[in-house]
Amino acid sequence: MLRRVYSYFFLLLMLPASLGCAESEQYKAGVDYEVLPQAVRTANPNKIEVNEVFAYSCSHCYDFEAVLHPWEETLADDVDMQRTPAVWQPAMEVYARAYYSALALKVLDKVHMPIFEAIHVRKEAVRTEQDMANFFVAAGIDSVKFSKVFNSFGMTSMVNQGKARMRSYRTQGTPEMVVNGKYRVSSRMAGGFDGMIKVADFLIAKERAAAAK
């Protein structure tokens, strides 16, 4: 009888631990997200990086912004939000150059959503350097300065680095998120945009706990 009592209390003590284990397995590798075969270097090794792979020409990426932006505003200081513009074909390079130019000229907040809205809300043809220049001029950037940055050797290097990063991420579509260069999250695996955010939160917590050990 005494042995049974001890066994009972032992099970009670173990219950919180088992519940914690179950909670940690809320999302599973290979089901809700993919573990990349090789970790990809992040921009800041001192923070947990979340990198969104997107394309201005992608309507799903535009829709995802309504979910992603509010979430991005709540991220803790130890999380670094980055973006990689997808380049599937040469025609998409103009969008990548526009994104990196906006970063370099510090006007991303002034041109990012306007480019999306021009393409997906007003259905405008935004395909050339001149089309992109219009957004930068509206943001207060001289057209000559924009063109110099847009066509610079450094910009070509950034675009090529982005292409290489996409390959390492094993990107299959847009939008996707990669957490800390280790985990790829897609809407298909996560079950939609809200699911992507929840899985990303889970993986951020996972990386935070690993760093604390």
N, C-alpha and C. Protein backbone atom coordinates (compact mmCIF):
# COMPACT_ATOMS: atom_id res chain seq x y z
N MET A 1 0.84 -1.21 0.00
CA MET A 1 0.00 0.00 0.00
C MET A 1 0.87 1.25 0.00
N LEU A 2 1.89 1.27 0.89
CA LEU A 2 2.78 2.42 0.97
C LEU A 2 3.49 2.64 -0.36
N ARG A 3 3.88 1.52 -1.02
CA ARG A 3 4.55 1.64 -2.31
C ARG A 3 3.64 2.30 -3.34
N ARG A 4 2.35 1.95 -3.28
CA ARG A 4 1.40 2.56 -4.20
C ARG A 4 1.27 4.06 -3.97
N VAL A 5 1.27 4.47 -2.71
CA VAL A 5 1.17 5.90 -2.39
C VAL A 5 2.37 6.65 -2.94
N TYR A 6 3.59 6.07 -2.72
CA TYR A 6 4.80 6.70 -3.25
C TYR A 6 4.76 6.81 -4.78
N SER A 7 4.25 5.75 -5.40
CA SER A 7 4.15 5.75 -6.85
C SER A 7 3.19 6.83 -7.33
N TYR A 8 2.11 7.00 -6.60
CA TYR A 8 1.12 8.01 -6.95
C TYR A 8 1.72 9.42 -6.89
N PHE A 9 2.42 9.70 -5.77
CA PHE A 9 3.04 11.02 -5.63
C PHE A 9 4.14 11.24 -6.66
N PHE A 10 4.84 10.18 -7.01
CA PHE A 10 5.89 10.29 -8.03
C PHE A 10 5.29 10.69 -9.37
N LEU A 11 4.14 10.10 -9.70
CA LEU A 11 3.47 10.43 -10.95
C LEU A 11 2.99 11.88 -10.95
N LEU A 12 2.50 12.35 -9.79
CA LEU A 12 2.06 13.74 -9.69
C LEU A 12 3.22 14.70 -9.90
N LEU A 13 4.39 14.35 -9.33
CA LEU A 13 5.56 15.20 -9.49
C LEU A 13 6.04 15.23 -10.94
N MET A 14 5.89 14.11 -11.63
CA MET A 14 6.35 14.03 -13.00
C MET A 14 5.39 14.67 -14.00
N LEU A 15 4.14 14.89 -13.60
CA LEU A 15 3.11 15.38 -14.51
C LEU A 15 3.45 16.74 -15.12
N PRO A 16 3.88 17.74 -14.31
CA PRO A 16 4.22 19.03 -14.94
C PRO A 16 5.32 18.91 -15.98
N ALA A 17 6.31 18.07 -15.69
CA ALA A 17 7.40 17.90 -16.65
C ALA A 17 6.90 17.30 -17.95
N SER A 18 6.01 16.30 -17.82
CA SER A 18 5.49 15.66 -19.03
C SER A 18 4.62 16.61 -19.82
N LEU A 19 3.87 17.48 -19.09
CA LEU A 19 3.05 18.46 -19.78
C LEU A 19 3.92 19.47 -20.51
N GLY A 20 5.03 19.85 -19.86
CA GLY A 20 5.95 20.77 -20.50
C GLY A 20 6.53 20.17 -21.75
N CYS A 21 6.84 18.89 -21.72
CA CYS A 21 7.39 18.20 -22.89
C CYS A 21 6.36 18.18 -24.00
N ALA A 22 5.09 17.93 -23.63
CA ALA A 22 4.04 17.89 -24.65
C ALA A 22 3.86 19.25 -25.29
N GLU A 23 3.96 20.30 -24.41
CA GLU A 23 3.79 21.65 -24.94
C GLU A 23 4.91 22.00 -25.92
N SER A 24 6.13 21.55 -25.59
CA SER A 24 7.26 21.85 -26.45
C SER A 24 7.14 21.16 -27.80
N GLU A 25 6.32 20.10 -27.86
CA GLU A 25 6.12 19.37 -29.10
C GLU A 25 4.85 19.80 -29.82
N GLN A 26 4.36 20.98 -29.48
CA GLN A 26 3.14 21.48 -30.11
C GLN A 26 3.27 21.52 -31.62
N TYR A 27 4.46 21.92 -32.11
CA TYR A 27 4.73 21.94 -33.54
C TYR A 27 5.91 21.02 -33.82
N LYS A 28 5.78 20.24 -34.86
CA LYS A 28 6.76 19.19 -35.12
C LYS A 28 7.54 19.44 -36.40
N ALA A 29 8.84 19.16 -36.32
CA ALA A 29 9.72 19.26 -37.48
C ALA A 29 9.27 18.27 -38.55
N GLY A 30 9.26 18.70 -39.79
CA GLY A 30 8.83 17.84 -40.88
C GLY A 30 7.33 17.83 -41.09
N VAL A 31 6.59 18.42 -40.15
CA VAL A 31 5.14 18.51 -40.26
C VAL A 31 4.71 19.98 -40.35
N ASP A 32 5.09 20.76 -39.33
CA ASP A 32 4.71 22.17 -39.27
C ASP A 32 5.80 23.10 -39.77
N TYR A 33 7.03 22.61 -39.85
CA TYR A 33 8.16 23.39 -40.35
C TYR A 33 9.25 22.45 -40.79
N GLU A 34 10.20 22.97 -41.55
CA GLU A 34 11.31 22.15 -42.03
C GLU A 34 12.60 22.58 -41.34
N VAL A 35 13.37 21.62 -40.88
CA VAL A 35 14.71 21.89 -40.37
C VAL A 35 15.67 21.88 -41.56
N LEU A 36 16.35 22.99 -41.79
CA LEU A 36 17.26 23.06 -42.92
C LEU A 36 18.45 22.12 -42.71
N PRO A 37 18.92 21.45 -43.75
CA PRO A 37 20.03 20.50 -43.60
C PRO A 37 21.32 21.16 -43.14
N GLN A 38 21.47 22.46 -43.44
CA GLN A 38 22.65 23.20 -42.99
C GLN A 38 22.22 24.60 -42.60
N ALA A 39 22.62 25.03 -41.41
CA ALA A 39 22.24 26.35 -40.93
C ALA A 39 22.85 27.44 -41.81
N VAL A 40 22.08 28.49 -42.03
CA VAL A 40 22.50 29.61 -42.87
C VAL A 40 22.92 30.77 -41.97
N ARG A 41 24.02 31.41 -42.28
CA ARG A 41 24.52 32.51 -41.45
C ARG A 41 23.49 33.63 -41.38
N THR A 42 23.31 34.18 -40.21
CA THR A 42 22.36 35.27 -40.00
C THR A 42 23.09 36.62 -40.00
N ALA A 43 22.31 37.70 -40.12
CA ALA A 43 22.90 39.03 -40.18
C ALA A 43 23.53 39.43 -38.86
N ASN A 44 22.90 39.04 -37.76
CA ASN A 44 23.40 39.39 -36.42
C ASN A 44 23.39 38.14 -35.55
N PRO A 45 24.57 37.54 -35.30
CA PRO A 45 24.62 36.30 -34.53
C PRO A 45 24.21 36.46 -33.08
N ASN A 46 24.09 37.69 -32.61
CA ASN A 46 23.70 37.94 -31.23
C ASN A 46 22.19 38.03 -31.04
N LYS A 47 21.46 37.89 -32.14
CA LYS A 47 20.00 37.95 -32.06
C LYS A 47 19.38 36.75 -32.78
N ILE A 48 18.11 36.53 -32.51
CA ILE A 48 17.36 35.47 -33.19
C ILE A 48 16.74 36.09 -34.45
N GLU A 49 17.19 35.63 -35.58
CA GLU A 49 16.73 36.25 -36.84
C GLU A 49 15.47 35.58 -37.37
N VAL A 50 14.56 36.41 -37.85
CA VAL A 50 13.41 35.95 -38.63
C VAL A 50 13.54 36.60 -39.99
N ASN A 51 13.66 35.82 -41.03
CA ASN A 51 13.85 36.35 -42.38
C ASN A 51 12.66 35.95 -43.25
N GLU A 52 11.93 36.96 -43.71
CA GLU A 52 10.80 36.70 -44.60
C GLU A 52 11.28 36.69 -46.05
N VAL A 53 11.00 35.64 -46.78
CA VAL A 53 11.26 35.60 -48.21
C VAL A 53 9.96 36.03 -48.90
N PHE A 54 10.04 37.09 -49.68
CA PHE A 54 8.83 37.68 -50.27
C PHE A 54 9.12 38.17 -51.68
N ALA A 55 8.05 38.56 -52.37
CA ALA A 55 8.19 39.19 -53.68
C ALA A 55 7.11 40.25 -53.82
N TYR A 56 7.48 41.42 -54.31
CA TYR A 56 6.49 42.48 -54.50
C TYR A 56 5.41 42.05 -55.49
N SER A 57 5.75 41.19 -56.41
CA SER A 57 4.79 40.74 -57.42
C SER A 57 3.85 39.66 -56.90
N CYS A 58 4.06 39.20 -55.68
CA CYS A 58 3.28 38.09 -55.09
C CYS A 58 2.09 38.63 -54.31
N SER A 59 0.89 38.28 -54.75
CA SER A 59 -0.32 38.77 -54.07
C SER A 59 -0.44 38.19 -52.66
N HIS A 60 0.03 36.96 -52.46
CA HIS A 60 -0.02 36.36 -51.12
C HIS A 60 0.90 37.13 -50.17
N CYS A 61 2.03 37.61 -50.68
CA CYS A 61 2.95 38.40 -49.85
C CYS A 61 2.30 39.71 -49.43
N TYR A 62 1.55 40.32 -50.35
CA TYR A 62 0.84 41.54 -50.01
C TYR A 62 -0.19 41.25 -48.92
N ASP A 63 -0.93 40.17 -49.06
CA ASP A 63 -1.93 39.81 -48.04
C ASP A 63 -1.27 39.49 -46.70
N PHE A 64 -0.09 38.87 -46.75
CA PHE A 64 0.61 38.47 -45.53
C PHE A 64 1.04 39.69 -44.72
N GLU A 65 1.27 40.82 -45.40
CA GLU A 65 1.70 42.03 -44.70
C GLU A 65 0.72 42.43 -43.60
N ALA A 66 -0.57 42.21 -43.83
CA ALA A 66 -1.59 42.59 -42.83
C ALA A 66 -1.44 41.78 -41.55
N VAL A 67 -0.84 40.60 -41.65
CA VAL A 67 -0.60 39.75 -40.48
C VAL A 67 0.80 39.96 -39.94
N LEU A 68 1.75 40.07 -40.85
CA LEU A 68 3.16 40.16 -40.45
C LEU A 68 3.50 41.47 -39.76
N HIS A 69 3.02 42.59 -40.29
CA HIS A 69 3.43 43.89 -39.75
C HIS A 69 3.03 44.07 -38.28
N PRO A 70 1.78 43.79 -37.89
CA PRO A 70 1.43 43.94 -36.47
C PRO A 70 2.26 43.02 -35.57
N TRP A 71 2.55 41.81 -36.05
CA TRP A 71 3.37 40.87 -35.28
C TRP A 71 4.79 41.39 -35.14
N GLU A 72 5.32 41.94 -36.22
CA GLU A 72 6.68 42.47 -36.21
C GLU A 72 6.83 43.57 -35.16
N GLU A 73 5.77 44.36 -34.98
CA GLU A 73 5.80 45.45 -34.01
C GLU A 73 5.91 44.95 -32.57
N THR A 74 5.55 43.69 -32.33
CA THR A 74 5.55 43.15 -30.96
C THR A 74 6.82 42.36 -30.64
N LEU A 75 7.72 42.19 -31.60
CA LEU A 75 8.89 41.35 -31.38
C LEU A 75 9.80 41.93 -30.31
N ALA A 76 10.37 41.04 -29.51
CA ALA A 76 11.28 41.46 -28.44
C ALA A 76 12.60 41.95 -29.03
N ASP A 77 13.38 42.60 -28.18
CA ASP A 77 14.64 43.20 -28.64
C ASP A 77 15.66 42.16 -29.10
N ASP A 78 15.49 40.92 -28.66
CA ASP A 78 16.47 39.90 -29.05
C ASP A 78 16.14 39.24 -30.39
N VAL A 79 15.11 39.76 -31.08
CA VAL A 79 14.71 39.22 -32.39
C VAL A 79 15.03 40.24 -33.47
N ASP A 80 15.67 39.79 -34.52
CA ASP A 80 16.07 40.65 -35.64
C ASP A 80 15.25 40.28 -36.87
N MET A 81 14.38 41.19 -37.32
CA MET A 81 13.55 40.94 -38.49
C MET A 81 14.28 41.35 -39.76
N GLN A 82 14.41 40.42 -40.70
CA GLN A 82 15.06 40.66 -41.97
C GLN A 82 14.13 40.22 -43.10
N ARG A 83 14.44 40.64 -44.32
CA ARG A 83 13.67 40.21 -45.48
C ARG A 83 14.61 39.87 -46.63
N THR A 84 14.22 38.90 -47.42
CA THR A 84 14.96 38.54 -48.63
C THR A 84 13.99 38.57 -49.81
N PRO A 85 14.16 39.50 -50.75
CA PRO A 85 13.29 39.52 -51.92
C PRO A 85 13.61 38.34 -52.85
N ALA A 86 12.60 37.59 -53.20
CA ALA A 86 12.79 36.41 -54.04
C ALA A 86 13.10 36.81 -55.48
N VAL A 87 14.02 36.08 -56.09
CA VAL A 87 14.32 36.27 -57.51
C VAL A 87 14.26 34.91 -58.17
N TRP A 88 13.12 34.60 -58.78
CA TRP A 88 12.94 33.32 -59.46
C TRP A 88 13.41 33.38 -60.91
N GLN A 89 13.38 34.59 -61.48
CA GLN A 89 13.72 34.79 -62.88
C GLN A 89 14.27 36.21 -63.04
N PRO A 90 14.99 36.49 -64.14
CA PRO A 90 15.63 37.79 -64.31
C PRO A 90 14.68 38.98 -64.15
N ALA A 91 13.43 38.84 -64.58
CA ALA A 91 12.48 39.96 -64.51
C ALA A 91 12.19 40.38 -63.07
N MET A 92 12.44 39.50 -62.10
CA MET A 92 12.15 39.82 -60.70
C MET A 92 13.29 40.59 -60.03
N GLU A 93 14.42 40.69 -60.72
CA GLU A 93 15.57 41.36 -60.11
C GLU A 93 15.29 42.84 -59.84
N VAL A 94 14.44 43.46 -60.66
CA VAL A 94 14.13 44.87 -60.46
C VAL A 94 13.48 45.09 -59.09
N TYR A 95 12.66 44.13 -58.64
CA TYR A 95 12.01 44.25 -57.34
C TYR A 95 13.03 44.09 -56.20
N ALA A 96 13.97 43.18 -56.39
CA ALA A 96 15.01 42.98 -55.37
C ALA A 96 15.87 44.23 -55.26
N ARG A 97 16.24 44.80 -56.40
CA ARG A 97 17.06 46.02 -56.38
C ARG A 97 16.30 47.17 -55.71
N ALA A 98 15.00 47.24 -55.94
CA ALA A 98 14.20 48.29 -55.31
C ALA A 98 14.20 48.12 -53.80
N TYR A 99 14.03 46.89 -53.34
CA TYR A 99 14.01 46.65 -51.89
C TYR A 99 15.34 47.01 -51.25
N TYR A 100 16.43 46.50 -51.80
CA TYR A 100 17.75 46.77 -51.23
C TYR A 100 18.12 48.25 -51.35
N SER A 101 17.67 48.92 -52.41
CA SER A 101 17.91 50.36 -52.56
C SER A 101 17.18 51.13 -51.46
N ALA A 102 15.95 50.70 -51.16
CA ALA A 102 15.19 51.35 -50.09
C ALA A 102 15.89 51.19 -48.75
N LEU A 103 16.48 50.02 -48.52
CA LEU A 103 17.25 49.82 -47.29
C LEU A 103 18.47 50.73 -47.26
N ALA A 104 19.20 50.76 -48.36
CA ALA A 104 20.43 51.55 -48.43
C ALA A 104 20.15 53.04 -48.27
N LEU A 105 19.04 53.50 -48.83
CA LEU A 105 18.69 54.92 -48.79
C LEU A 105 17.82 55.28 -47.59
N LYS A 106 17.54 54.27 -46.76
CA LYS A 106 16.78 54.47 -45.51
C LYS A 106 15.38 55.04 -45.74
N VAL A 107 14.70 54.53 -46.76
CA VAL A 107 13.33 54.95 -47.02
C VAL A 107 12.39 53.75 -47.17
N LEU A 108 12.78 52.62 -46.57
CA LEU A 108 11.96 51.41 -46.73
C LEU A 108 10.54 51.64 -46.24
N ASP A 109 10.39 52.36 -45.13
CA ASP A 109 9.06 52.60 -44.59
C ASP A 109 8.21 53.47 -45.49
N LYS A 110 8.84 54.18 -46.43
CA LYS A 110 8.11 55.08 -47.32
C LYS A 110 7.80 54.47 -48.68
N VAL A 111 8.48 53.37 -49.04
CA VAL A 111 8.26 52.80 -50.38
C VAL A 111 7.79 51.35 -50.36
N HIS A 112 7.97 50.65 -49.26
CA HIS A 112 7.66 49.22 -49.20
C HIS A 112 6.18 48.95 -49.51
N MET A 113 5.29 49.50 -48.71
CA MET A 113 3.86 49.27 -48.93
C MET A 113 3.34 49.99 -50.17
N PRO A 114 3.81 51.20 -50.50
CA PRO A 114 3.35 51.82 -51.75
C PRO A 114 3.62 50.97 -52.99
N ILE A 115 4.76 50.28 -53.04
CA ILE A 115 5.03 49.40 -54.19
C ILE A 115 4.01 48.26 -54.21
N PHE A 116 3.79 47.63 -53.07
CA PHE A 116 2.80 46.56 -52.97
C PHE A 116 1.43 47.05 -53.42
N GLU A 117 1.02 48.21 -52.92
CA GLU A 117 -0.32 48.72 -53.20
C GLU A 117 -0.49 49.11 -54.66
N ALA A 118 0.55 49.65 -55.26
CA ALA A 118 0.47 50.02 -56.67
C ALA A 118 0.22 48.78 -57.53
N ILE A 119 0.88 47.69 -57.18
CA ILE A 119 0.77 46.46 -57.98
C ILE A 119 -0.54 45.73 -57.71
N HIS A 120 -0.91 45.60 -56.44
CA HIS A 120 -2.02 44.70 -56.09
C HIS A 120 -3.35 45.41 -55.80
N VAL A 121 -3.30 46.69 -55.52
CA VAL A 121 -4.55 47.42 -55.28
C VAL A 121 -4.95 48.23 -56.52
N ARG A 122 -3.99 49.02 -57.01
CA ARG A 122 -4.31 49.87 -58.17
C ARG A 122 -4.02 49.17 -59.51
N LYS A 123 -3.43 47.97 -59.44
CA LYS A 123 -3.16 47.14 -60.63
C LYS A 123 -2.29 47.87 -61.66
N GLU A 124 -1.31 48.62 -61.16
CA GLU A 124 -0.40 49.34 -62.04
C GLU A 124 0.73 48.43 -62.52
N ALA A 125 1.27 48.75 -63.68
CA ALA A 125 2.42 48.01 -64.20
C ALA A 125 3.68 48.59 -63.57
N VAL A 126 4.28 47.83 -62.67
CA VAL A 126 5.51 48.26 -61.99
C VAL A 126 6.56 47.22 -62.32
N ARG A 127 7.35 47.50 -63.36
CA ARG A 127 8.26 46.46 -63.86
C ARG A 127 9.67 46.96 -64.19
N THR A 128 9.85 48.27 -64.24
CA THR A 128 11.13 48.81 -64.71
C THR A 128 11.79 49.67 -63.65
N GLU A 129 13.06 50.00 -63.92
CA GLU A 129 13.79 50.91 -63.02
C GLU A 129 13.07 52.24 -62.91
N GLN A 130 12.58 52.75 -64.03
CA GLN A 130 11.87 54.04 -64.00
C GLN A 130 10.60 53.95 -63.17
N ASP A 131 9.90 52.84 -63.27
CA ASP A 131 8.71 52.65 -62.44
C ASP A 131 9.08 52.74 -60.96
N MET A 132 10.19 52.11 -60.59
CA MET A 132 10.63 52.12 -59.20
C MET A 132 11.11 53.52 -58.79
N ALA A 133 11.76 54.22 -59.71
CA ALA A 133 12.28 55.55 -59.40
C ALA A 133 11.17 56.48 -58.94
N ASN A 134 9.98 56.31 -59.49
CA ASN A 134 8.86 57.17 -59.12
C ASN A 134 8.54 57.07 -57.63
N PHE A 135 8.63 55.89 -57.07
CA PHE A 135 8.36 55.71 -55.64
C PHE A 135 9.43 56.41 -54.80
N PHE A 136 10.67 56.33 -55.23
CA PHE A 136 11.77 56.92 -54.47
C PHE A 136 11.73 58.44 -54.55
N VAL A 137 11.40 58.99 -55.71
CA VAL A 137 11.27 60.44 -55.84
C VAL A 137 10.15 60.93 -54.93
N ALA A 138 9.05 60.18 -54.89
CA ALA A 138 7.93 60.54 -54.01
C ALA A 138 8.34 60.49 -52.54
N ALA A 139 9.36 59.67 -52.25
CA ALA A 139 9.85 59.55 -50.87
C ALA A 139 10.95 60.56 -50.56
N GLY A 140 11.24 61.43 -51.54
CA GLY A 140 12.21 62.48 -51.30
C GLY A 140 13.63 62.19 -51.74
N ILE A 141 13.81 61.12 -52.52
CA ILE A 141 15.15 60.75 -53.00
C ILE A 141 15.35 61.27 -54.41
N ASP A 142 16.46 61.96 -54.64
CA ASP A 142 16.78 62.46 -55.97
C ASP A 142 16.91 61.29 -56.95
N SER A 143 16.36 61.45 -58.16
CA SER A 143 16.33 60.36 -59.13
C SER A 143 17.73 59.91 -59.55
N VAL A 144 18.68 60.85 -59.63
CA VAL A 144 20.05 60.50 -59.99
C VAL A 144 20.70 59.67 -58.89
N LYS A 145 20.46 60.06 -57.65
CA LYS A 145 21.00 59.33 -56.51
C LYS A 145 20.41 57.91 -56.47
N PHE A 146 19.11 57.83 -56.71
CA PHE A 146 18.46 56.52 -56.74
C PHE A 146 19.08 55.63 -57.81
N SER A 147 19.25 56.15 -59.01
CA SER A 147 19.79 55.37 -60.12
C SER A 147 21.20 54.89 -59.82
N LYS A 148 21.99 55.74 -59.18
CA LYS A 148 23.37 55.37 -58.85
C LYS A 148 23.39 54.19 -57.88
N VAL A 149 22.54 54.23 -56.87
CA VAL A 149 22.46 53.14 -55.90
C VAL A 149 21.87 51.89 -56.54
N PHE A 150 20.79 52.05 -57.28
CA PHE A 150 20.07 50.95 -57.91
C PHE A 150 20.97 50.13 -58.83
N ASN A 151 21.89 50.80 -59.52
CA ASN A 151 22.74 50.14 -60.51
C ASN A 151 24.18 49.92 -60.03
N SER A 152 24.42 50.11 -58.76
CA SER A 152 25.77 50.00 -58.23
C SER A 152 26.25 48.55 -58.15
N PHE A 153 27.57 48.40 -58.08
CA PHE A 153 28.16 47.08 -57.91
C PHE A 153 27.72 46.46 -56.59
N GLY A 154 27.63 47.31 -55.56
CA GLY A 154 27.20 46.81 -54.26
C GLY A 154 25.79 46.26 -54.30
N MET A 155 24.93 46.89 -55.11
CA MET A 155 23.56 46.41 -55.24
C MET A 155 23.52 45.04 -55.93
N THR A 156 24.34 44.89 -56.96
CA THR A 156 24.43 43.58 -57.64
C THR A 156 24.89 42.51 -56.67
N SER A 157 25.83 42.85 -55.82
CA SER A 157 26.32 41.91 -54.82
C SER A 157 25.22 41.52 -53.83
N MET A 158 24.44 42.49 -53.39
CA MET A 158 23.35 42.19 -52.46
C MET A 158 22.29 41.28 -53.09
N VAL A 159 21.97 41.55 -54.35
CA VAL A 159 21.00 40.72 -55.06
C VAL A 159 21.52 39.28 -55.18
N ASN A 160 22.78 39.13 -55.52
CA ASN A 160 23.37 37.80 -55.66
C ASN A 160 23.43 37.06 -54.32
N GLN A 161 23.72 37.80 -53.26
CA GLN A 161 23.71 37.19 -51.93
C GLN A 161 22.31 36.72 -51.57
N GLY A 162 21.30 37.52 -51.95
CA GLY A 162 19.92 37.13 -51.69
C GLY A 162 19.53 35.87 -52.43
N LYS A 163 19.98 35.75 -53.68
CA LYS A 163 19.71 34.54 -54.46
C LYS A 163 20.34 33.32 -53.80
N ALA A 164 21.59 33.48 -53.34
CA ALA A 164 22.27 32.37 -52.69
C ALA A 164 21.58 31.99 -51.39
N ARG A 165 21.10 33.01 -50.66
CA ARG A 165 20.39 32.75 -49.41
C ARG A 165 19.11 31.98 -49.68
N MET A 166 18.39 32.35 -50.73
CA MET A 166 17.17 31.62 -51.11
C MET A 166 17.45 30.15 -51.37
N ARG A 167 18.55 29.89 -52.08
CA ARG A 167 18.89 28.50 -52.37
C ARG A 167 19.20 27.74 -51.09
N SER A 168 19.92 28.38 -50.19
CA SER A 168 20.26 27.73 -48.92
C SER A 168 19.02 27.52 -48.06
N TYR A 169 18.06 28.44 -48.18
CA TYR A 169 16.80 28.31 -47.45
C TYR A 169 15.89 27.23 -48.03
N ARG A 170 16.23 26.73 -49.22
CA ARG A 170 15.39 25.75 -49.92
C ARG A 170 13.98 26.31 -50.17
N THR A 171 13.94 27.60 -50.49
CA THR A 171 12.67 28.29 -50.69
C THR A 171 11.85 27.63 -51.79
N GLN A 172 10.57 27.41 -51.50
CA GLN A 172 9.68 26.76 -52.47
C GLN A 172 8.56 27.68 -52.94
N GLY A 173 8.39 28.79 -52.26
CA GLY A 173 7.34 29.73 -52.64
C GLY A 173 7.41 30.96 -51.77
N THR A 174 6.50 31.88 -51.99
CA THR A 174 6.45 33.08 -51.15
C THR A 174 5.01 33.34 -50.72
N PRO A 175 4.81 33.86 -49.51
CA PRO A 175 5.86 34.18 -48.54
C PRO A 175 6.28 32.95 -47.73
N GLU A 176 7.52 32.97 -47.29
CA GLU A 176 8.03 31.99 -46.35
C GLU A 176 8.85 32.72 -45.30
N MET A 177 9.06 32.06 -44.16
CA MET A 177 9.87 32.64 -43.10
C MET A 177 10.95 31.63 -42.70
N VAL A 178 12.13 32.13 -42.42
CA VAL A 178 13.22 31.29 -41.94
C VAL A 178 13.65 31.83 -40.59
N VAL A 179 13.60 30.97 -39.57
CA VAL A 179 13.93 31.39 -38.21
C VAL A 179 15.35 30.99 -37.87
N ASN A 180 16.14 32.01 -37.57
CA ASN A 180 17.53 31.86 -37.14
C ASN A 180 18.39 31.04 -38.09
N GLY A 181 18.05 31.08 -39.37
CA GLY A 181 18.83 30.36 -40.37
C GLY A 181 18.72 28.86 -40.28
N LYS A 182 17.75 28.36 -39.50
CA LYS A 182 17.67 26.92 -39.23
C LYS A 182 16.34 26.28 -39.66
N TYR A 183 15.26 27.05 -39.58
CA TYR A 183 13.94 26.47 -39.76
C TYR A 183 13.16 27.23 -40.83
N ARG A 184 12.64 26.51 -41.80
CA ARG A 184 11.83 27.12 -42.86
C ARG A 184 10.35 26.92 -42.55
N VAL A 185 9.59 28.01 -42.58
CA VAL A 185 8.17 27.98 -42.26
C VAL A 185 7.38 28.45 -43.48
N SER A 186 6.45 27.64 -43.94
CA SER A 186 5.61 28.00 -45.09
C SER A 186 4.15 27.96 -44.68
N SER A 187 3.31 28.65 -45.45
CA SER A 187 1.88 28.63 -45.15
C SER A 187 1.29 27.24 -45.37
N ARG A 188 1.84 26.51 -46.32
CA ARG A 188 1.34 25.16 -46.58
C ARG A 188 1.56 24.25 -45.37
N MET A 189 2.77 24.28 -44.81
CA MET A 189 3.07 23.42 -43.67
C MET A 189 2.41 23.92 -42.39
N ALA A 190 2.37 25.25 -42.22
CA ALA A 190 1.86 25.82 -40.97
C ALA A 190 0.34 25.98 -40.97
N GLY A 191 -0.29 25.82 -42.13
CA GLY A 191 -1.74 25.91 -42.19
C GLY A 191 -2.26 27.33 -42.34
N GLY A 192 -1.54 28.17 -43.06
CA GLY A 192 -2.01 29.53 -43.30
C GLY A 192 -1.11 30.58 -42.68
N PHE A 193 -1.47 31.84 -42.87
CA PHE A 193 -0.65 32.95 -42.40
C PHE A 193 -0.59 33.00 -40.87
N ASP A 194 -1.74 32.85 -40.22
CA ASP A 194 -1.74 32.86 -38.75
C ASP A 194 -0.90 31.71 -38.21
N GLY A 195 -0.98 30.58 -38.89
CA GLY A 195 -0.17 29.43 -38.47
C GLY A 195 1.32 29.71 -38.60
N MET A 196 1.71 30.41 -39.66
CA MET A 196 3.12 30.77 -39.84
C MET A 196 3.62 31.59 -38.66
N ILE A 197 2.82 32.55 -38.23
CA ILE A 197 3.21 33.39 -37.10
C ILE A 197 3.34 32.56 -35.82
N LYS A 198 2.40 31.65 -35.60
CA LYS A 198 2.43 30.83 -34.39
C LYS A 198 3.64 29.90 -34.39
N VAL A 199 3.94 29.31 -35.54
CA VAL A 199 5.11 28.44 -35.63
C VAL A 199 6.39 29.25 -35.44
N ALA A 200 6.43 30.44 -36.01
CA ALA A 200 7.60 31.30 -35.85
C ALA A 200 7.80 31.66 -34.38
N ASP A 201 6.70 31.98 -33.67
CA ASP A 201 6.80 32.26 -32.24
C ASP A 201 7.36 31.06 -31.48
N PHE A 202 6.89 29.89 -31.83
CA PHE A 202 7.36 28.65 -31.20
C PHE A 202 8.85 28.46 -31.42
N LEU A 203 9.30 28.69 -32.65
CA LEU A 203 10.72 28.49 -32.98
C LEU A 203 11.61 29.56 -32.35
N ILE A 204 11.09 30.78 -32.24
CA ILE A 204 11.84 31.83 -31.54
C ILE A 204 12.05 31.44 -30.08
N ALA A 205 10.98 30.96 -29.45
CA ALA A 205 11.08 30.51 -28.06
C ALA A 205 12.04 29.34 -27.93
N LYS A 206 12.02 28.46 -28.93
CA LYS A 206 12.92 27.30 -28.93
C LYS A 206 14.38 27.75 -28.98
N GLU A 207 14.67 28.71 -29.87
CA GLU A 207 16.03 29.23 -29.99
C GLU A 207 16.44 30.02 -28.75
N ARG A 208 15.50 30.73 -28.17
CA ARG A 208 15.79 31.52 -26.97
C ARG A 208 16.13 30.59 -25.80
N ALA A 209 15.39 29.50 -25.69
CA ALA A 209 15.64 28.54 -24.61
C ALA A 209 16.99 27.86 -24.81
N ALA A 210 17.32 27.53 -26.07
CA ALA A 210 18.59 26.88 -26.37
C ALA A 210 19.76 27.80 -26.03
N ALA A 211 19.61 29.09 -26.32
CA ALA A 211 20.69 30.05 -26.04
C ALA A 211 20.87 30.27 -24.55
N ALA A 212 19.81 30.06 -23.78
CA ALA A 212 19.89 30.29 -22.32
C ALA A 212 20.56 29.14 -21.58
N LYS A 213 20.68 28.00 -22.24
CA LYS A 213 21.26 26.82 -21.58
C LYS A 213 22.77 26.97 -21.46
